Amino acid sequence: MMIQLSHGCHVAAEQIAEVTVSDYGNITVRTKGGVGHSVSNDYGDRSGYSTRDRLIAEINAARKNAA
């Protein structure tokens, strides 16, 4: 299953290695190949943590469905 990271940018859930939030609230999704993708916060999420939690839930659900 593909996870939408931004407009026009989708990554297969099984290729995602980590999701991080910087001290400034910037979200980065890094693939197993080492490529980092910047992700915008969901509307109203100033810290980035709610967006991170949503992405992780989507990634875990996709991996569970693929198993």
PDB file of N, CA and C in Angstrom:
ATOM      1  N   MET A   1       0.846  -1.172   0.000  1.00  0.00           N
ATOM      2  CA  MET A   1       0.000   0.000   0.000  1.00  0.00           C
ATOM      3  C   MET A   1       0.895   1.239   0.000  1.00  0.00           C
ATOM      4  N   MET A   2       0.480   2.220  -0.765  1.00  0.00           N
ATOM      5  CA  MET A   2       1.227   3.469  -0.869  1.00  0.00           C
ATOM      6  C   MET A   2       0.727   4.476   0.170  1.00  0.00           C
ATOM      7  N   ILE A   3       1.657   5.183   0.780  1.00  0.00           N
ATOM      8  CA  ILE A   3       1.354   6.219   1.765  1.00  0.00           C
ATOM      9  C   ILE A   3       1.626   7.572   1.110  1.00  0.00           C
ATOM     10  N   GLN A   4       0.641   8.473   1.151  1.00  0.00           N
ATOM     11  CA  GLN A   4       0.827   9.802   0.576  1.00  0.00           C
ATOM     12  C   GLN A   4       1.574  10.680   1.567  1.00  0.00           C
ATOM     13  N   LEU A   5       2.725  11.194   1.136  1.00  0.00           N
ATOM     14  CA  LEU A   5       3.534  12.058   1.985  1.00  0.00           C
ATOM     15  C   LEU A   5       3.284  13.532   1.684  1.00  0.00           C
ATOM     16  N   SER A   6       3.045  13.826   0.427  1.00  0.00           N
ATOM     17  CA  SER A   6       2.718  15.183   0.003  1.00  0.00           C
ATOM     18  C   SER A   6       2.013  15.074  -1.340  1.00  0.00           C
ATOM     19  N   HIS A   7       1.603  16.198  -1.867  1.00  0.00           N
ATOM     20  CA  HIS A   7       0.909  16.185  -3.157  1.00  0.00           C
ATOM     21  C   HIS A   7       1.829  15.593  -4.224  1.00  0.00           C
ATOM     22  N   GLY A   8       1.431  14.460  -4.774  1.00  0.00           N
ATOM     23  CA  GLY A   8       2.213  13.820  -5.817  1.00  0.00           C
ATOM     24  C   GLY A   8       3.346  12.933  -5.331  1.00  0.00           C
ATOM     25  N   CYS A   9       3.546  12.816  -4.032  1.00  0.00           N
ATOM     26  CA  CYS A   9       4.625  11.978  -3.492  1.00  0.00           C
ATOM     27  C   CYS A   9       4.025  10.850  -2.661  1.00  0.00           C
ATOM     28  N   HIS A  10       4.167   9.632  -3.171  1.00  0.00           N
ATOM     29  CA  HIS A  10       3.685   8.441  -2.481  1.00  0.00           C
ATOM     30  C   HIS A  10       4.853   7.477  -2.309  1.00  0.00           C
ATOM     31  N   VAL A  11       4.890   6.793  -1.174  1.00  0.00           N
ATOM     32  CA  VAL A  11       5.944   5.818  -0.893  1.00  0.00           C
ATOM     33  C   VAL A  11       5.274   4.543  -0.392  1.00  0.00           C
ATOM     34  N   ALA A  12       5.784   3.400  -0.839  1.00  0.00           N
ATOM     35  CA  ALA A  12       5.262   2.121  -0.364  1.00  0.00           C
ATOM     36  C   ALA A  12       5.557   1.980   1.126  1.00  0.00           C
ATOM     37  N   ALA A  13       4.566   1.551   1.886  1.00  0.00           N
ATOM     38  CA  ALA A  13       4.699   1.442   3.344  1.00  0.00           C
ATOM     39  C   ALA A  13       5.884   0.575   3.745  1.00  0.00           C
ATOM     40  N   GLU A  14       6.130  -0.499   3.007  1.00  0.00           N
ATOM     41  CA  GLU A  14       7.223  -1.401   3.371  1.00  0.00           C
ATOM     42  C   GLU A  14       8.604  -0.786   3.113  1.00  0.00           C
ATOM     43  N   GLN A  15       8.669   0.328   2.390  1.00  0.00           N
ATOM     44  CA  GLN A  15       9.937   1.005   2.118  1.00  0.00           C
ATOM     45  C   GLN A  15      10.283   2.086   3.142  1.00  0.00           C
ATOM     46  N   ILE A  16       9.355   2.389   4.065  1.00  0.00           N
ATOM     47  CA  ILE A  16       9.586   3.444   5.047  1.00  0.00           C
ATOM     48  C   ILE A  16      10.374   2.890   6.226  1.00  0.00           C
ATOM     49  N   ALA A  17      11.492   3.556   6.530  1.00  0.00           N
ATOM     50  CA  ALA A  17      12.360   3.119   7.620  1.00  0.00           C
ATOM     51  C   ALA A  17      12.101   3.890   8.905  1.00  0.00           C
ATOM     52  N   GLU A  18      11.836   5.211   8.801  1.00  0.00           N
ATOM     53  CA  GLU A  18      11.620   5.999  10.013  1.00  0.00           C
ATOM     54  C   GLU A  18      10.826   7.259   9.712  1.00  0.00           C
ATOM     55  N   VAL A  19      10.159   7.748  10.758  1.00  0.00           N
ATOM     56  CA  VAL A  19       9.430   9.013  10.712  1.00  0.00           C
ATOM     57  C   VAL A  19       9.931   9.829  11.897  1.00  0.00           C
ATOM     58  N   THR A  20      10.457  11.024  11.628  1.00  0.00           N
ATOM     59  CA  THR A  20      10.997  11.856  12.699  1.00  0.00           C
ATOM     60  C   THR A  20      10.384  13.247  12.673  1.00  0.00           C
ATOM     61  N   VAL A  21      10.346  13.869  13.847  1.00  0.00           N
ATOM     62  CA  VAL A  21       9.906  15.254  13.991  1.00  0.00           C
ATOM     63  C   VAL A  21      11.052  16.018  14.643  1.00  0.00           C
ATOM     64  N   SER A  22      11.486  17.099  13.998  1.00  0.00           N
ATOM     65  CA  SER A  22      12.588  17.904  14.546  1.00  0.00           C
ATOM     66  C   SER A  22      12.085  18.780  15.685  1.00  0.00           C
ATOM     67  N   ASP A  23      13.018  19.440  16.354  1.00  0.00           N
ATOM     68  CA  ASP A  23      12.667  20.369  17.432  1.00  0.00           C
ATOM     69  C   ASP A  23      11.772  21.499  16.939  1.00  0.00           C
ATOM     70  N   TYR A  24      11.830  21.783  15.645  1.00  0.00           N
ATOM     71  CA  TYR A  24      11.035  22.864  15.062  1.00  0.00           C
ATOM     72  C   TYR A  24       9.707  22.374  14.494  1.00  0.00           C
ATOM     73  N   GLY A  25       9.399  21.092  14.661  1.00  0.00           N
ATOM     74  CA  GLY A  25       8.138  20.534  14.193  1.00  0.00           C
ATOM     75  C   GLY A  25       8.158  20.066  12.750  1.00  0.00           C
ATOM     76  N   ASN A  26       9.336  20.037  12.121  1.00  0.00           N
ATOM     77  CA  ASN A  26       9.443  19.559  10.746  1.00  0.00           C
ATOM     78  C   ASN A  26       9.437  18.031  10.734  1.00  0.00           C
ATOM     79  N   ILE A  27       8.666  17.457   9.826  1.00  0.00           N
ATOM     80  CA  ILE A  27       8.534  16.000   9.741  1.00  0.00           C
ATOM     81  C   ILE A  27       9.352  15.486   8.562  1.00  0.00           C
ATOM     82  N   THR A  28      10.131  14.428   8.799  1.00  0.00           N
ATOM     83  CA  THR A  28      10.882  13.774   7.738  1.00  0.00           C
ATOM     84  C   THR A  28      10.554  12.291   7.756  1.00  0.00           C
ATOM     85  N   VAL A  29      10.233  11.763   6.580  1.00  0.00           N
ATOM     86  CA  VAL A  29      10.022  10.331   6.407  1.00  0.00           C
ATOM     87  C   VAL A  29      11.209   9.828   5.596  1.00  0.00           C
ATOM     88  N   ARG A  30      11.957   8.882   6.165  1.00  0.00           N
ATOM     89  CA  ARG A  30      13.142   8.353   5.495  1.00  0.00           C
ATOM     90  C   ARG A  30      12.862   6.925   5.033  1.00  0.00           C
ATOM     91  N   THR A  31      13.250   6.650   3.789  1.00  0.00           N
ATOM     92  CA  THR A  31      13.047   5.312   3.242  1.00  0.00           C
ATOM     93  C   THR A  31      14.240   4.422   3.576  1.00  0.00           C
ATOM     94  N   LYS A  32      14.073   3.128   3.357  1.00  0.00           N
ATOM     95  CA  LYS A  32      15.154   2.177   3.605  1.00  0.00           C
ATOM     96  C   LYS A  32      16.351   2.449   2.712  1.00  0.00           C
ATOM     97  N   GLY A  33      16.125   3.105   1.570  1.00  0.00           N
ATOM     98  CA  GLY A  33      17.211   3.475   0.666  1.00  0.00           C
ATOM     99  C   GLY A  33      17.945   4.732   1.092  1.00  0.00           C
ATOM    100  N   GLY A  34      17.491   5.364   2.192  1.00  0.00           N
ATOM    101  CA  GLY A  34      18.158   6.544   2.721  1.00  0.00           C
ATOM    102  C   GLY A  34      17.614   7.871   2.232  1.00  0.00           C
ATOM    103  N   VAL A  35      16.608   7.846   1.367  1.00  0.00           N
ATOM    104  CA  VAL A  35      16.036   9.085   0.842  1.00  0.00           C
ATOM    105  C   VAL A  35      15.077   9.671   1.874  1.00  0.00           C
ATOM    106  N   GLY A  36      15.236  10.968   2.153  1.00  0.00           N
ATOM    107  CA  GLY A  36      14.361  11.650   3.101  1.00  0.00           C
ATOM    108  C   GLY A  36      13.326  12.486   2.378  1.00  0.00           C
ATOM    109  N   HIS A  37      12.092  12.435   2.855  1.00  0.00           N
ATOM    110  CA  HIS A  37      10.997  13.219   2.284  1.00  0.00           C
ATOM    111  C   HIS A  37      10.439  14.125   3.372  1.00  0.00           C
ATOM    112  N   SER A  38      10.351  15.417   3.073  1.00  0.00           N
ATOM    113  CA  SER A  38       9.763  16.370   4.003  1.00  0.00           C
ATOM    114  C   SER A  38       8.248  16.288   3.886  1.00  0.00           C
ATOM    115  N   VAL A  39       7.557  16.281   5.024  1.00  0.00           N
ATOM    116  CA  VAL A  39       6.098  16.173   5.052  1.00  0.00           C
ATOM    117  C   VAL A  39       5.530  17.385   5.780  1.00  0.00           C
ATOM    118  N   SER A  40       4.535  18.016   5.172  1.00  0.00           N
ATOM    119  CA  SER A  40       3.884  19.160   5.817  1.00  0.00           C
ATOM    120  C   SER A  40       2.972  18.675   6.929  1.00  0.00           C
ATOM    121  N   ASN A  41       2.863  19.479   7.975  1.00  0.00           N
ATOM    122  CA  ASN A  41       1.955  19.154   9.076  1.00  0.00           C
ATOM    123  C   ASN A  41       0.512  19.214   8.603  1.00  0.00           C
ATOM    124  N   ASP A  42      -0.325  18.374   9.191  1.00  0.00           N
ATOM    125  CA  ASP A  42      -1.757  18.458   8.930  1.00  0.00           C
ATOM    126  C   ASP A  42      -2.261  19.821   9.386  1.00  0.00           C
ATOM    127  N   TYR A  43      -3.330  20.291   8.784  1.00  0.00           N
ATOM    128  CA  TYR A  43      -3.894  21.591   9.137  1.00  0.00           C
ATOM    129  C   TYR A  43      -4.179  21.654  10.637  1.00  0.00           C
ATOM    130  N   GLY A  44      -3.694  22.687  11.297  1.00  0.00           N
ATOM    131  CA  GLY A  44      -3.942  22.876  12.720  1.00  0.00           C
ATOM    132  C   GLY A  44      -2.945  22.195  13.639  1.00  0.00           C
ATOM    133  N   ASP A  45      -2.052  21.379  13.084  1.00  0.00           N
ATOM    134  CA  ASP A  45      -1.058  20.666  13.901  1.00  0.00           C
ATOM    135  C   ASP A  45       0.244  21.455  13.888  1.00  0.00           C
ATOM    136  N   ARG A  46       0.439  22.284  14.888  1.00  0.00           N
ATOM    137  CA  ARG A  46       1.622  23.152  14.918  1.00  0.00           C
ATOM    138  C   ARG A  46       2.892  22.395  15.312  1.00  0.00           C
ATOM    139  N   SER A  47       2.766  21.344  16.097  1.00  0.00           N
ATOM    140  CA  SER A  47       3.950  20.641  16.588  1.00  0.00           C
ATOM    141  C   SER A  47       4.436  19.550  15.641  1.00  0.00           C
ATOM    142  N   GLY A  48       3.568  19.005  14.832  1.00  0.00           N
ATOM    143  CA  GLY A  48       3.943  17.909  13.938  1.00  0.00           C
ATOM    144  C   GLY A  48       3.722  16.536  14.530  1.00  0.00           C
ATOM    145  N   TYR A  49       3.510  16.451  15.839  1.00  0.00           N
ATOM    146  CA  TYR A  49       3.384  15.137  16.465  1.00  0.00           C
ATOM    147  C   TYR A  49       2.082  14.428  16.104  1.00  0.00           C
ATOM    148  N   SER A  50       0.996  15.160  15.959  1.00  0.00           N
ATOM    149  CA  SER A  50      -0.270  14.529  15.553  1.00  0.00           C
ATOM    150  C   SER A  50      -0.166  14.003  14.129  1.00  0.00           C
ATOM    151  N   THR A  51       0.488  14.770  13.263  1.00  0.00           N
ATOM    152  CA  THR A  51       0.694  14.323  11.885  1.00  0.00           C
ATOM    153  C   THR A  51       1.576  13.080  11.870  1.00  0.00           C
ATOM    154  N   ARG A  52       2.631  13.082  12.677  1.00  0.00           N
ATOM    155  CA  ARG A  52       3.513  11.912  12.779  1.00  0.00           C
ATOM    156  C   ARG A  52       2.729  10.689  13.230  1.00  0.00           C
ATOM    157  N   ASP A  53       1.898  10.860  14.252  1.00  0.00           N
ATOM    158  CA  ASP A  53       1.107   9.740  14.767  1.00  0.00           C
ATOM    159  C   ASP A  53       0.158   9.201  13.705  1.00  0.00           C
ATOM    160  N   ARG A  54      -0.446  10.101  12.905  1.00  0.00           N
ATOM    161  CA  ARG A  54      -1.345   9.669  11.833  1.00  0.00           C
ATOM    162  C   ARG A  54      -0.571   8.880  10.783  1.00  0.00           C
ATOM    163  N   LEU A  55       0.599   9.389  10.379  1.00  0.00           N
ATOM    164  CA  LEU A  55       1.415   8.685   9.390  1.00  0.00           C
ATOM    165  C   LEU A  55       1.820   7.300   9.886  1.00  0.00           C
ATOM    166  N   ILE A  56       2.252   7.206  11.127  1.00  0.00           N
ATOM    167  CA  ILE A  56       2.665   5.918  11.682  1.00  0.00           C
ATOM    168  C   ILE A  56       1.492   4.946  11.726  1.00  0.00           C
ATOM    169  N   ALA A  57       0.310   5.435  12.083  1.00  0.00           N
ATOM    170  CA  ALA A  57      -0.879   4.575  12.098  1.00  0.00           C
ATOM    171  C   ALA A  57      -1.186   4.062  10.691  1.00  0.00           C
ATOM    172  N   GLU A  58      -1.075   4.930   9.678  1.00  0.00           N
ATOM    173  CA  GLU A  58      -1.312   4.510   8.291  1.00  0.00           C
ATOM    174  C   GLU A  58      -0.271   3.490   7.841  1.00  0.00           C
ATOM    175  N   ILE A  59       0.982   3.730   8.183  1.00  0.00           N
ATOM    176  CA  ILE A  59       2.062   2.810   7.806  1.00  0.00           C
ATOM    177  C   ILE A  59       1.855   1.449   8.464  1.00  0.00           C
ATOM    178  N   ASN A  60       1.557   1.431   9.756  1.00  0.00           N
ATOM    179  CA  ASN A  60       1.340   0.170  10.468  1.00  0.00           C
ATOM    180  C   ASN A  60       0.139  -0.587   9.926  1.00  0.00           C
ATOM    181  N   ALA A  61      -0.949   0.128   9.615  1.00  0.00           N
ATOM    182  CA  ALA A  61      -2.141  -0.522   9.055  1.00  0.00           C
ATOM    183  C   ALA A  61      -1.826  -1.134   7.693  1.00  0.00           C
ATOM    184  N   ALA A  62      -1.070  -0.416   6.873  1.00  0.00           N
ATOM    185  CA  ALA A  62      -0.708  -0.929   5.552  1.00  0.00           C
ATOM    186  C   ALA A  62       0.172  -2.165   5.670  1.00  0.00           C
ATOM    187  N   ARG A  63       1.111  -2.142   6.586  1.00  0.00           N
ATOM    188  CA  ARG A  63       1.995  -3.298   6.777  1.00  0.00           C
ATOM    189  C   ARG A  63       1.222  -4.499   7.309  1.00  0.00           C
ATOM    190  N   LYS A  64       0.264  -4.249   8.203  1.00  0.00           N
ATOM    191  CA  LYS A  64      -0.548  -5.331   8.758  1.00  0.00           C
ATOM    192  C   LYS A  64      -1.405  -5.965   7.670  1.00  0.00           C
ATOM    193  N   ASN A  65      -1.994  -5.139   6.807  1.00  0.00           N
ATOM    194  CA  ASN A  65      -2.838  -5.647   5.726  1.00  0.00           C
ATOM    195  C   ASN A  65      -2.031  -6.404   4.683  1.00  0.00           C
ATOM    196  N   ALA A  66      -0.758  -6.048   4.531  1.00  0.00           N
ATOM    197  CA  ALA A  66       0.099  -6.711   3.548  1.00  0.00           C
ATOM    198  C   ALA A  66       0.586  -8.070   4.042  1.00  0.00           C
ATOM    199  N   ALA A  67       0.568  -8.261   5.360  1.00  0.00           N
ATOM    200  CA  ALA A  67       1.100  -9.512   5.932  1.00  0.00           C
ATOM    201  C   ALA A  67       0.145 -10.667   5.801  1.00  0.00           C
TER     202      ALA A  67
END
